[in-house]
Amino acid sequence: MTVKMSQKKQADRFSEAARELECDESEEAFDRAMKRIAKAPPKTDAEIKEAAEKDRPKTGPGSNPPKK
């Protein structure tokens, strides 16, 4: 059996299992699920400031300024 054949059979088994479980393959269902699991609490002002300072290039004594 070739790799493509085994992958095809595996894909067919997956699709059959999804049908048996009455999975909803619509984009709307995906978006609803994503919103449920991907909610992140909003960042505080301090967290935003800290992230901005971390990304800001360092300048001043002892730093390596960007080369032009």
Protein backbone atom coordinates (compact mmCIF):
# COMPACT_ATOMS: atom_id res chain seq x y z
CA MET A 1 0.00 0.00 0.00
CA THR A 2 1.40 3.40 -0.92
CA VAL A 3 1.57 6.42 1.33
CA LYS A 4 -1.08 8.21 -0.75
CA MET A 5 -3.46 5.28 -0.42
CA SER A 6 -3.05 5.09 3.36
CA GLN A 7 -3.48 8.87 3.66
CA LYS A 8 -6.61 8.71 1.52
CA LYS A 9 -8.05 5.96 3.66
CA GLN A 10 -7.19 7.88 6.83
CA ALA A 11 -8.87 11.01 5.44
CA ASP A 12 -11.94 8.94 4.58
CA ARG A 13 -12.05 7.48 8.09
CA PHE A 14 -11.73 10.95 9.58
CA SER A 15 -14.54 12.30 7.40
CA GLU A 16 -16.76 9.34 8.29
CA ALA A 17 -16.11 9.83 12.02
CA ALA A 18 -16.92 13.55 11.70
CA ARG A 19 -20.20 12.72 9.95
CA GLU A 20 -21.13 10.18 12.62
CA LEU A 21 -20.50 12.80 15.31
CA GLU A 22 -22.59 15.29 13.33
CA CYS A 23 -19.75 17.80 13.23
CA ASP A 24 -20.55 21.21 11.81
CA GLU A 25 -17.96 22.14 9.18
CA SER A 26 -19.28 25.64 8.51
CA GLU A 27 -17.13 28.73 8.87
CA GLU A 28 -19.63 30.15 11.37
CA ALA A 29 -19.27 27.12 13.63
CA PHE A 30 -15.49 27.42 13.44
CA ASP A 31 -15.64 31.11 14.35
CA ARG A 32 -17.92 30.41 17.33
CA ALA A 33 -15.57 27.70 18.61
CA MET A 34 -12.50 29.88 18.08
CA LYS A 35 -14.05 32.75 20.03
CA ARG A 36 -14.80 30.41 22.93
CA ILE A 37 -11.28 29.05 23.22
CA ALA A 38 -9.19 32.01 22.09
CA LYS A 39 -10.46 34.67 24.45
CA ALA A 40 -7.62 36.49 26.09
CA PRO A 41 -8.14 38.99 28.86
CA PRO A 42 -7.41 42.56 27.79
CA LYS A 43 -3.93 43.81 28.62
CA THR A 44 -3.51 46.38 31.34
CA ASP A 45 -1.88 49.73 30.60
CA ALA A 46 1.23 48.54 32.46
CA GLU A 47 1.46 45.39 30.30
CA ILE A 48 1.10 47.43 27.11
CA LYS A 49 3.79 49.88 28.25
CA GLU A 50 6.13 47.03 29.22
CA ALA A 51 5.69 45.35 25.82
CA ALA A 52 6.33 48.64 24.00
CA GLU A 53 9.50 49.28 26.00
CA LYS A 54 10.71 45.76 25.32
CA ASP A 55 10.34 46.28 21.54
CA ARG A 56 11.86 49.78 21.55
CA PRO A 57 15.51 49.90 20.43
CA LYS A 58 17.93 50.77 23.21
CA THR A 59 19.85 54.04 22.87
CA GLY A 60 22.25 55.87 25.12
CA PRO A 61 25.56 55.05 26.81
CA GLY A 62 26.60 51.45 26.44
CA SER A 63 24.15 50.64 23.68
CA ASN A 64 24.89 49.77 20.10
CA PRO A 65 23.00 52.27 17.95
CA PRO A 66 21.72 50.99 14.60
CA LYS A 67 24.22 51.33 11.76
CA LYS A 68 23.28 53.47 8.78
